[in-house]
Amino acid sequence: MSGGHDHVQHEHAHHNHDHRTGWAGLRGRIAHAVTPHSHDSADIVDSSLEASARGMRALWISFVALMITAVAQLIVVIVSGSVALLGDTLHNFADALTAVPLAAAFLLGRRQATRRFTYGLGRSEDLAGLAVLLVMFASAVLAAWTAVDRLLNPRPMTDIGWVAAAGLVGFLGNEIVARYRITVGRQIGSAALVADGLHARTDGFTSLAVLIAAGGAWIGWQWADPVVGLLITAAILSVLYGAAKEVFARMLDAVDPKLLDAAEKAVAETPGVYAVDTIRMRWVGHDLLADVTLDVNPSLSLMQAHEIAHDAETRLTETVPRLTSAMIHAHPTSRS
């Protein structure tokens, strides 16, 4: 690089490198192990397809599990007339059906970028996340309406033992599905799938509330069933709030500040980098994109500056999981 106004830009895109990461650890403790760096353009495509395939598999397995749970509960609802169990059953059906928009989003995300959609259609997952939120809200409204109607028009619960058993089955089914969806969603970087997992977890806790309603009916408290139905509605709205924060944050290009700190540290420690001016990241579907501006010695040649940018890029992609595209800008500076 010669002169004080030269500019070097190094781009890392889908056609350059492979950044598949393996994730280990459950329950929110995530660690990544980066695979060897590759220059095969097929590797990134395979990684993206693999992530979408894992998401699809998680959706359909959990869909079948929730439908079986919901149908079993529906049979007990028809026999017993339990409002609390009806609310729980509605949530299970709704949670199962959210697999449809999510599956559509994963399929769209597999499509290659075009001259019109230059980043591909990965952000269709954000729209699917909105669909999940709407389904959660609709199920909360329907559960609340049913509970209020039962308070105004009391009706005794029958087959209390079966209601309690159905509540327990609902909890186990939903918790298994929730853990599966949340784990896979975090592994592939899908906020929509994580939100759907949180929805399933909510239904699991509402299933436990059905046991309380059954207990109240057993000792003669008929009002306990609709009251628990209202408590279930409040629980759904609470989790809806948390899921909405995650989905809307993703839509507004929010990233975990810890990822940004790790990325900045990795780039700053690259030999030849004087300072990191700016670093930005955003999610597109379950892939991360980065844009970095760094300072280098103004006396460097173009090739030397390019090598520094490439080294910084390699460190960045090996540090940040799910990073599939990085744009590195090298600027001359007098600082040393």
Foldseek 3Di string as FASTA:
>chain_A
DADAFDKAKDKFFLQAWAWAWDWDDADPDTDTATDDIDGHSVRSLVSLLVLLVLLLVLLVVLLVLLVVLLVLLVVLCVVWVFLLSVLLSLLSNLLSVLSVQQNVLSVQQSDDADPVRNVGSLQSLLVSLVVSLVSLLVSLVVLLVSLVVCVVPPDATPPLVSQLVSLQSLLVSLLVSLRSQLVSCVSLQRLSSNLSSLSSNLSNVSSNLSNVCSVCSVVPNSNSRSVSSNVSSVSSVVSSVVSVVSSVCQVVFHDDVVLVVQLLVQLCPQPFWQHWDDKGWHDRNSAIEIETETEGANPDDNVVQNVSQVSSVVSNSSRHHRHRIYMYMYRYDPGD
